[in-house]
Amino acid sequence: MFNDEEVQAQLKDGGSPMRVMGREELREMWQERHDYLEELFAGLDPEELEEAAKD
């Protein structure tokens, strides 16, 4: 879809950033994000988060 020239022109005209990625590149990007978030939230207590969300 995003390799279609008309779609690319519409995105550009609308000011949307666009980066067409291959399947493997996309998987790698999401894995990096997953790893980062997993490390970021590793020390958090899920029950405390749930309680804080209720407030």
Protein backbone atom coordinates (compact mmCIF):
# COMPACT_ATOMS: atom_id res chain seq x y z
CA MET A 1 0.00 0.00 0.00
CA PHE A 2 2.64 2.55 1.01
CA ASN A 3 4.77 1.72 -2.01
CA ASP A 4 1.95 3.09 -4.19
CA GLU A 5 3.04 6.41 -5.71
CA GLU A 6 -0.41 7.98 -5.28
CA VAL A 7 -0.51 7.07 -1.59
CA GLN A 8 2.99 8.45 -1.11
CA ALA A 9 1.98 11.71 -2.79
CA GLN A 10 -1.09 12.03 -0.54
CA LEU A 11 0.98 11.40 2.58
CA LYS A 12 3.56 13.95 1.49
CA ASP A 13 0.87 16.54 0.66
CA GLY A 14 -0.68 15.97 4.07
CA GLY A 15 2.64 16.46 5.85
CA SER A 16 2.80 12.90 7.15
CA PRO A 17 6.23 11.41 7.65
CA MET A 18 6.67 8.17 5.80
CA ARG A 19 9.19 5.41 5.98
CA VAL A 20 8.57 2.17 4.14
CA MET A 21 10.13 -0.70 6.04
CA GLY A 22 10.63 -4.32 5.17
CA ARG A 23 9.19 -7.08 7.32
CA GLU A 24 12.49 -7.97 8.98
CA GLU A 25 13.34 -4.32 9.64
CA LEU A 26 9.93 -3.82 11.24
CA ARG A 27 10.32 -6.89 13.45
CA GLU A 28 13.73 -5.67 14.58
CA MET A 29 12.34 -2.22 15.43
CA TRP A 30 9.48 -3.68 17.52
CA GLN A 31 11.83 -6.09 19.27
CA GLU A 32 14.08 -3.18 20.26
CA ARG A 33 11.06 -1.27 21.61
CA HIS A 34 9.83 -4.34 23.47
CA ASP A 35 13.23 -4.91 25.06
CA TYR A 36 13.49 -1.25 26.10
CA LEU A 37 10.02 -1.19 27.67
CA GLU A 38 10.54 -4.51 29.40
CA GLU A 39 13.70 -3.14 31.02
CA LEU A 40 12.01 0.17 31.86
CA PHE A 41 9.09 -1.48 33.64
CA ALA A 42 11.01 -4.38 35.19
CA GLY A 43 11.10 -2.89 38.68
CA LEU A 44 7.46 -1.85 38.80
CA ASP A 45 4.94 -3.73 40.90
CA PRO A 46 1.85 -4.55 38.79
CA GLU A 47 -0.45 -4.30 41.81
CA GLU A 48 0.85 -0.82 42.65
CA LEU A 49 0.30 0.29 39.07
CA GLU A 50 -3.24 -1.00 39.14
CA GLU A 51 -3.98 0.84 42.39
CA ALA A 52 -2.45 4.06 41.04
CA ALA A 53 -4.59 3.80 37.92
CA LYS A 54 -7.75 3.75 40.06
CA ASP A 55 -6.96 7.14 41.63
